Amino acid sequence: MLADSADLAVEELTGTRPHEPLTVSGLLGLEWWKEDRVERDVVCGMQVDPAKAAATSEYQGKTYYFCAKACKVKFDANPAQYVK
């Protein structure tokens, strides 16, 4: 057993090599192991939680996240200006 507490028991942890899916058993559906991911709004520089982004745009196969719709509008008008 790797971890044990009153609220959580992790029985098995596999997939610990880089780029290998991580499998954790014994968590009863909890997703505590997921890292909080933050993206940078390329227009204003603000940190944006992708799950709460005000807007997104796709450019050259990459998704960009924005803090406000106004930043998306600026980006969409000239993406090359913001992507380096």
C-alpha atoms as a PDB file:
ATOM      1  CA  MET A   1       0.000   0.000   0.000  1.00  0.00           C
ATOM      2  CA  LEU A   2       1.417   3.373  -1.051  1.00  0.00           C
ATOM      3  CA  ALA A   3      -0.828   5.727   0.937  1.00  0.00           C
ATOM      4  CA  ASP A   4      -3.363   5.277   3.656  1.00  0.00           C
ATOM      5  CA  SER A   5      -5.544   7.762   5.497  1.00  0.00           C
ATOM      6  CA  ALA A   6      -8.995   7.917   7.028  1.00  0.00           C
ATOM      7  CA  ASP A   7     -10.406   9.172   3.711  1.00  0.00           C
ATOM      8  CA  LEU A   8      -8.223   7.447   1.144  1.00  0.00           C
ATOM      9  CA  ALA A   9      -6.467   4.175   0.497  1.00  0.00           C
ATOM     10  CA  VAL A  10      -4.274   3.750  -2.578  1.00  0.00           C
ATOM     11  CA  GLU A  11      -3.714   0.088  -3.201  1.00  0.00           C
ATOM     12  CA  GLU A  12      -1.785   0.125  -6.457  1.00  0.00           C
ATOM     13  CA  LEU A  13       0.113   2.673  -8.541  1.00  0.00           C
ATOM     14  CA  THR A  14       1.288   1.753 -12.032  1.00  0.00           C
ATOM     15  CA  GLY A  15       2.380   3.625 -15.128  1.00  0.00           C
ATOM     16  CA  THR A  16       5.030   5.806 -13.553  1.00  0.00           C
ATOM     17  CA  ARG A  17       7.304   6.113 -16.589  1.00  0.00           C
ATOM     18  CA  PRO A  18       7.217   9.385 -18.592  1.00  0.00           C
ATOM     19  CA  HIS A  19       4.343   9.562 -21.097  1.00  0.00           C
ATOM     20  CA  GLU A  20       2.802   6.352 -19.755  1.00  0.00           C
ATOM     21  CA  PRO A  21      -0.796   6.485 -18.536  1.00  0.00           C
ATOM     22  CA  LEU A  22      -1.140   6.490 -14.776  1.00  0.00           C
ATOM     23  CA  THR A  23      -3.428   3.906 -13.221  1.00  0.00           C
ATOM     24  CA  VAL A  24      -4.396   4.243  -9.578  1.00  0.00           C
ATOM     25  CA  SER A  25      -6.724   1.778  -7.933  1.00  0.00           C
ATOM     26  CA  GLY A  26      -8.570   2.026  -4.645  1.00  0.00           C
ATOM     27  CA  LEU A  27      -9.632   5.665  -5.031  1.00  0.00           C
ATOM     28  CA  LEU A  28     -13.379   5.151  -5.398  1.00  0.00           C
ATOM     29  CA  GLY A  29     -13.526   7.609  -8.299  1.00  0.00           C
ATOM     30  CA  LEU A  30     -11.593  10.445  -6.655  1.00  0.00           C
ATOM     31  CA  GLU A  31      -9.380  12.409  -9.025  1.00  0.00           C
ATOM     32  CA  TRP A  32      -6.938  13.935  -6.531  1.00  0.00           C
ATOM     33  CA  TRP A  33      -3.921  12.815  -8.559  1.00  0.00           C
ATOM     34  CA  LYS A  34      -4.745  15.030 -11.537  1.00  0.00           C
ATOM     35  CA  GLU A  35      -2.381  17.955 -11.634  1.00  0.00           C
ATOM     36  CA  ASP A  36      -3.974  21.389 -11.712  1.00  0.00           C
ATOM     37  CA  ARG A  37      -3.264  22.546 -15.231  1.00  0.00           C
ATOM     38  CA  VAL A  38      -2.953  26.237 -15.969  1.00  0.00           C
ATOM     39  CA  GLU A  39      -2.454  27.845 -19.365  1.00  0.00           C
ATOM     40  CA  ARG A  40      -1.215  31.327 -20.144  1.00  0.00           C
ATOM     41  CA  ASP A  41      -3.465  33.724 -22.062  1.00  0.00           C
ATOM     42  CA  VAL A  42      -1.072  34.704 -24.877  1.00  0.00           C
ATOM     43  CA  VAL A  43      -2.743  38.104 -25.326  1.00  0.00           C
ATOM     44  CA  CYS A  44      -2.609  39.529 -21.783  1.00  0.00           C
ATOM     45  CA  GLY A  45      -0.334  37.007 -20.011  1.00  0.00           C
ATOM     46  CA  MET A  46      -2.895  36.055 -17.361  1.00  0.00           C
ATOM     47  CA  GLN A  47      -2.972  32.480 -16.002  1.00  0.00           C
ATOM     48  CA  VAL A  48      -6.131  30.636 -17.106  1.00  0.00           C
ATOM     49  CA  ASP A  49      -7.665  27.400 -15.832  1.00  0.00           C
ATOM     50  CA  PRO A  50      -8.673  25.619 -19.066  1.00  0.00           C
ATOM     51  CA  ALA A  51     -11.850  24.306 -17.438  1.00  0.00           C
ATOM     52  CA  LYS A  52     -12.922  27.864 -16.616  1.00  0.00           C
ATOM     53  CA  ALA A  53     -11.588  29.743 -19.664  1.00  0.00           C
ATOM     54  CA  ALA A  54     -13.878  32.482 -20.972  1.00  0.00           C
ATOM     55  CA  ALA A  55     -13.007  31.479 -24.542  1.00  0.00           C
ATOM     56  CA  THR A  56     -10.728  29.275 -26.641  1.00  0.00           C
ATOM     57  CA  SER A  57      -9.282  29.338 -30.149  1.00  0.00           C
ATOM     58  CA  GLU A  58      -7.557  26.713 -32.256  1.00  0.00           C
ATOM     59  CA  TYR A  59      -4.499  27.781 -34.228  1.00  0.00           C
ATOM     60  CA  GLN A  60      -2.041  25.514 -36.035  1.00  0.00           C
ATOM     61  CA  GLY A  61      -3.351  22.470 -34.158  1.00  0.00           C
ATOM     62  CA  LYS A  62      -3.018  23.980 -30.687  1.00  0.00           C
ATOM     63  CA  THR A  63      -5.758  25.192 -28.361  1.00  0.00           C
ATOM     64  CA  TYR A  64      -5.307  28.626 -26.792  1.00  0.00           C
ATOM     65  CA  TYR A  65      -7.232  29.636 -23.665  1.00  0.00           C
ATOM     66  CA  PHE A  66      -8.351  33.166 -22.824  1.00  0.00           C
ATOM     67  CA  CYS A  67      -9.337  34.981 -19.646  1.00  0.00           C
ATOM     68  CA  ALA A  68     -11.912  37.090 -21.503  1.00  0.00           C
ATOM     69  CA  LYS A  69     -13.680  37.141 -24.866  1.00  0.00           C
ATOM     70  CA  ALA A  70     -11.888  40.404 -25.689  1.00  0.00           C
ATOM     71  CA  CYS A  71      -8.529  38.571 -25.600  1.00  0.00           C
ATOM     72  CA  LYS A  72      -9.905  35.912 -27.966  1.00  0.00           C
ATOM     73  CA  VAL A  73     -11.087  38.606 -30.392  1.00  0.00           C
ATOM     74  CA  LYS A  74      -7.614  40.206 -30.423  1.00  0.00           C
ATOM     75  CA  PHE A  75      -5.961  36.804 -30.903  1.00  0.00           C
ATOM     76  CA  ASP A  76      -8.310  35.752 -33.703  1.00  0.00           C
ATOM     77  CA  ALA A  77      -7.637  39.001 -35.595  1.00  0.00           C
ATOM     78  CA  ASN A  78      -3.901  38.215 -35.825  1.00  0.00           C
ATOM     79  CA  PRO A  79      -2.814  34.936 -34.170  1.00  0.00           C
ATOM     80  CA  ALA A  80       0.721  35.061 -35.582  1.00  0.00           C
ATOM     81  CA  GLN A  81       1.336  38.230 -33.521  1.00  0.00           C
ATOM     82  CA  TYR A  82       0.794  36.278 -30.276  1.00  0.00           C
ATOM     83  CA  VAL A  83       2.251  32.870 -31.140  1.00  0.00           C
ATOM     84  CA  LYS A  84       6.015  32.710 -31.093  1.00  0.00           C
END
